[in-house]
Amino acid sequence: MPWVYLVLAGIFECGWAIGLKYADGWTKLVPSLLTIAAMAISFWLLSAAMKTIPVGTAYAVWTGIGTVGVAVLGMILFGESHDIMRIICLLLIVTGIVGLKVFSPA
């Protein structure tokens, strides 16, 4: 179950990072409130996962999921660059995340 919490925490991290863009410097109420809620959920799930998963592994996976997720969402939602080298670099991050899961003692 801790790995499920960790993946969900990473997904909510993507939500709050993208939410920051829509909150427009905290000037838009609903996106700001949703962003704060996503932050709270993400941190709560991360802390629950860290009860079992080592802190270094949990944090690296959490930030990796957030990094890849936000980069992909940036490509989809905001028309950011999707050149082949950027995609290869994102795949390297995914490989690292999978490696941390496979080789984690938890």
Protein backbone atom coordinates (compact mmCIF):
# COMPACT_ATOMS: atom_id res chain seq x y z
CA MET A 1 0.00 0.00 0.00
CA PRO A 2 2.84 2.51 0.63
CA TRP A 3 3.76 2.45 -3.05
CA VAL A 4 0.15 3.20 -3.99
CA TYR A 5 0.25 6.17 -1.62
CA LEU A 6 3.51 7.30 -3.18
CA VAL A 7 2.21 7.12 -6.75
CA LEU A 8 -0.95 8.99 -5.74
CA ALA A 9 1.19 11.59 -3.97
CA GLY A 10 3.13 12.06 -7.21
CA ILE A 11 -0.08 12.47 -9.18
CA PHE A 12 -1.34 15.09 -6.74
CA GLU A 13 2.05 16.80 -7.02
CA CYS A 14 1.40 17.12 -10.75
CA GLY A 15 -2.01 18.57 -9.92
CA TRP A 16 -0.66 21.26 -7.64
CA ALA A 17 2.22 22.16 -9.93
CA ILE A 18 -0.15 22.65 -12.87
CA GLY A 19 -2.58 24.35 -10.49
CA LEU A 20 0.04 26.98 -9.75
CA LYS A 21 -0.07 27.98 -13.42
CA TYR A 22 -3.86 28.28 -13.36
CA ALA A 23 -3.87 30.08 -9.97
CA ASP A 24 -2.02 32.92 -11.70
CA GLY A 25 0.03 34.07 -8.74
CA TRP A 26 -2.76 33.17 -6.30
CA THR A 27 -5.05 35.75 -7.92
CA LYS A 28 -7.74 33.26 -8.97
CA LEU A 29 -9.71 31.88 -6.05
CA VAL A 30 -10.92 28.47 -7.26
CA PRO A 31 -7.64 27.36 -8.87
CA SER A 32 -5.79 28.62 -5.79
CA LEU A 33 -8.00 26.62 -3.42
CA LEU A 34 -7.71 23.49 -5.58
CA THR A 35 -3.95 23.91 -5.70
CA ILE A 36 -3.71 24.20 -1.91
CA ALA A 37 -5.92 21.11 -1.51
CA ALA A 38 -3.75 19.14 -3.95
CA MET A 39 -0.64 20.23 -2.04
CA ALA A 40 -2.09 19.06 1.26
CA ILE A 41 -3.18 15.70 -0.16
CA SER A 42 0.16 15.19 -1.90
CA PHE A 43 2.15 15.88 1.26
CA TRP A 44 -0.13 13.73 3.40
CA LEU A 45 0.19 10.78 0.99
CA LEU A 46 3.96 11.26 0.79
CA SER A 47 4.24 11.23 4.57
CA ALA A 48 2.11 8.07 4.76
CA ALA A 49 4.35 6.36 2.20
CA MET A 50 7.47 7.38 4.13
CA LYS A 51 6.33 5.34 7.12
CA THR A 52 7.58 2.30 5.18
CA ILE A 53 9.56 3.46 2.14
CA PRO A 54 13.01 4.96 2.84
CA VAL A 55 12.96 8.77 2.71
CA GLY A 56 15.50 9.06 -0.12
CA THR A 57 13.63 6.60 -2.30
CA ALA A 58 10.21 8.07 -1.53
CA TYR A 59 11.30 11.64 -2.21
CA ALA A 60 13.10 10.73 -5.44
CA VAL A 61 10.10 8.80 -6.75
CA TRP A 62 7.67 11.54 -5.69
CA THR A 63 9.64 14.28 -7.40
CA GLY A 64 10.30 12.07 -10.42
CA ILE A 65 6.61 11.40 -10.94
CA GLY A 66 5.94 15.10 -10.52
CA THR A 67 8.69 16.09 -12.93
CA VAL A 68 7.64 13.71 -15.68
CA GLY A 69 3.93 14.32 -15.14
CA VAL A 70 4.22 18.10 -15.21
CA ALA A 71 6.51 18.03 -18.25
CA VAL A 72 4.04 15.84 -20.16
CA LEU A 73 1.08 17.95 -19.06
CA GLY A 74 2.99 21.06 -20.09
CA MET A 75 3.35 19.59 -23.56
CA ILE A 76 -0.34 18.72 -23.73
CA LEU A 77 -1.93 21.73 -22.02
CA PHE A 78 0.48 24.55 -22.82
CA GLY A 79 2.08 23.52 -26.10
CA GLU A 80 5.56 23.17 -24.59
CA SER A 81 8.34 21.58 -26.63
CA HIS A 82 8.04 17.85 -27.27
CA ASP A 83 11.24 17.27 -29.21
CA ILE A 84 12.81 13.82 -29.16
CA MET A 85 15.68 14.66 -26.78
CA ARG A 86 13.26 16.02 -24.20
CA ILE A 87 11.19 12.84 -24.42
CA ILE A 88 14.31 10.66 -24.12
CA CYS A 89 15.34 12.57 -20.99
CA LEU A 90 11.88 12.07 -19.49
CA LEU A 91 12.12 8.34 -20.26
CA LEU A 92 15.43 8.25 -18.39
CA ILE A 93 13.69 9.72 -15.35
CA VAL A 94 10.94 7.08 -15.64
CA THR A 95 13.63 4.39 -15.85
CA GLY A 96 15.14 5.73 -12.63
CA ILE A 97 11.77 5.72 -10.89
CA VAL A 98 11.15 2.11 -11.92
CA GLY A 99 14.67 1.18 -10.81
CA LEU A 100 14.09 2.69 -7.38
CA LYS A 101 10.91 0.63 -7.02
CA VAL A 102 12.52 -2.59 -8.21
CA PHE A 103 15.59 -2.24 -6.00
CA SER A 104 13.88 -0.78 -2.93
CA PRO A 105 13.85 -2.93 0.22
CA ALA A 106 10.29 -1.81 1.07
